[in-house]
Protein backbone atom coordinates (compact mmCIF):
# COMPACT_ATOMS: atom_id res chain seq x y z
CA UNK A 1 86.02 61.14 8.35
CA UNK A 2 88.50 63.92 8.72
CA UNK A 3 91.98 62.89 8.25
CA UNK A 4 94.23 63.62 11.05
CA UNK A 5 93.73 67.50 10.67
CA UNK A 6 93.18 70.11 13.20
CA UNK A 7 91.34 72.55 10.34
CA UNK A 8 87.85 73.00 9.14
CA UNK A 9 86.85 70.56 6.54
CA UNK A 10 83.96 71.48 4.22
CA UNK A 11 82.10 69.09 1.55
CA UNK A 12 79.43 70.56 -0.77
CA UNK A 13 77.29 68.73 -3.63
CA UNK A 14 77.35 69.21 -7.26
CA UNK A 15 74.95 67.73 -10.04
CA UNK A 16 76.01 66.53 -13.42
CA UNK A 17 79.56 68.28 -13.18
CA UNK A 18 78.04 71.62 -12.90
CA UNK A 19 80.61 74.31 -11.27
CA UNK A 20 77.90 75.54 -9.14
CA UNK A 21 77.01 73.80 -6.11
CA UNK A 22 73.39 72.24 -4.97
CA UNK A 23 71.18 74.09 -2.67
CA UNK A 24 72.67 77.66 -2.22
CA UNK A 25 76.11 76.38 -1.29
CA UNK A 26 74.63 74.06 1.38
CA UNK A 27 77.81 72.10 2.84
CA UNK A 28 78.65 69.78 5.42
CA UNK A 29 81.15 71.43 7.69
CA UNK A 30 83.39 69.64 10.49
CA UNK A 31 84.90 72.31 12.72
CA UNK A 32 88.48 72.68 13.40
CA UNK A 33 89.74 71.37 17.09
CA UNK A 34 89.63 67.59 16.53
CA UNK A 35 91.59 65.40 14.62
CA UNK A 36 91.46 61.79 13.15
CA UNK A 37 88.14 60.26 13.39
CA UNK A 38 85.62 63.03 13.43
CA UNK A 39 82.56 61.79 11.47
CA UNK A 40 79.92 64.14 9.69
CA UNK A 41 76.70 63.61 7.81
CA UNK A 42 74.69 65.47 5.79
CA UNK A 43 71.09 64.98 3.84
CA UNK A 44 70.00 66.69 0.90
CA UNK A 45 66.68 66.22 -1.24
CA UNK A 46 67.19 67.31 -4.66
CA UNK A 47 65.41 66.24 -8.09
CA UNK A 48 67.13 63.87 -10.55
CA UNK A 49 66.40 62.63 -13.78
CA UNK A 50 67.65 59.30 -15.59
CA UNK A 51 71.36 59.46 -15.97
CA UNK A 52 71.87 62.39 -13.68
CA UNK A 53 74.79 62.22 -10.96
CA UNK A 54 75.84 63.69 -7.83
CA UNK A 55 79.31 64.42 -6.91
CA UNK A 56 80.88 65.28 -3.28
CA UNK A 57 83.34 67.74 -3.62
CA UNK A 58 85.99 68.44 -0.67
CA UNK A 59 86.27 72.32 -0.81
CA UNK A 60 88.34 72.70 2.16
CA UNK A 61 90.59 70.32 4.31
CA UNK A 62 91.20 66.51 3.93
CA UNK A 63 88.95 63.73 4.32
CA UNK A 64 90.02 59.88 4.78
CA UNK A 65 87.51 57.68 2.65
CA UNK A 66 89.64 55.23 1.07
CA UNK A 67 87.53 52.30 2.01
CA UNK A 68 84.05 51.59 2.01
CA UNK A 69 83.41 51.77 5.55
CA UNK A 70 85.24 55.19 5.89
CA UNK A 71 83.45 57.06 3.40
CA UNK A 72 79.96 56.26 1.65
CA UNK A 73 77.09 57.79 -0.38
CA UNK A 74 73.44 56.56 -0.78
CA UNK A 75 70.39 57.64 -2.71
CA UNK A 76 66.53 56.77 -2.29
CA UNK A 77 63.73 57.43 -4.64
CA UNK A 78 61.09 59.40 -3.43
CA UNK A 79 57.92 59.60 -5.39
């Protein structure tokens, strides 16, 4: 959820603390113009091994995710 901002919000994914982002800089972008409460979602498919982890990095703007109902992440094993 965008946190009371009129600016663009961008979020990207990183794997295992890498400094590069997954999937060619693919991002979730919530455009400017609306304020608090704008929601967004993105789906990516990537290969992970045991003990790998994913980070969601907000690269621009501000999001509101202080409680489970406001921000969440889920994964599914395909195979």
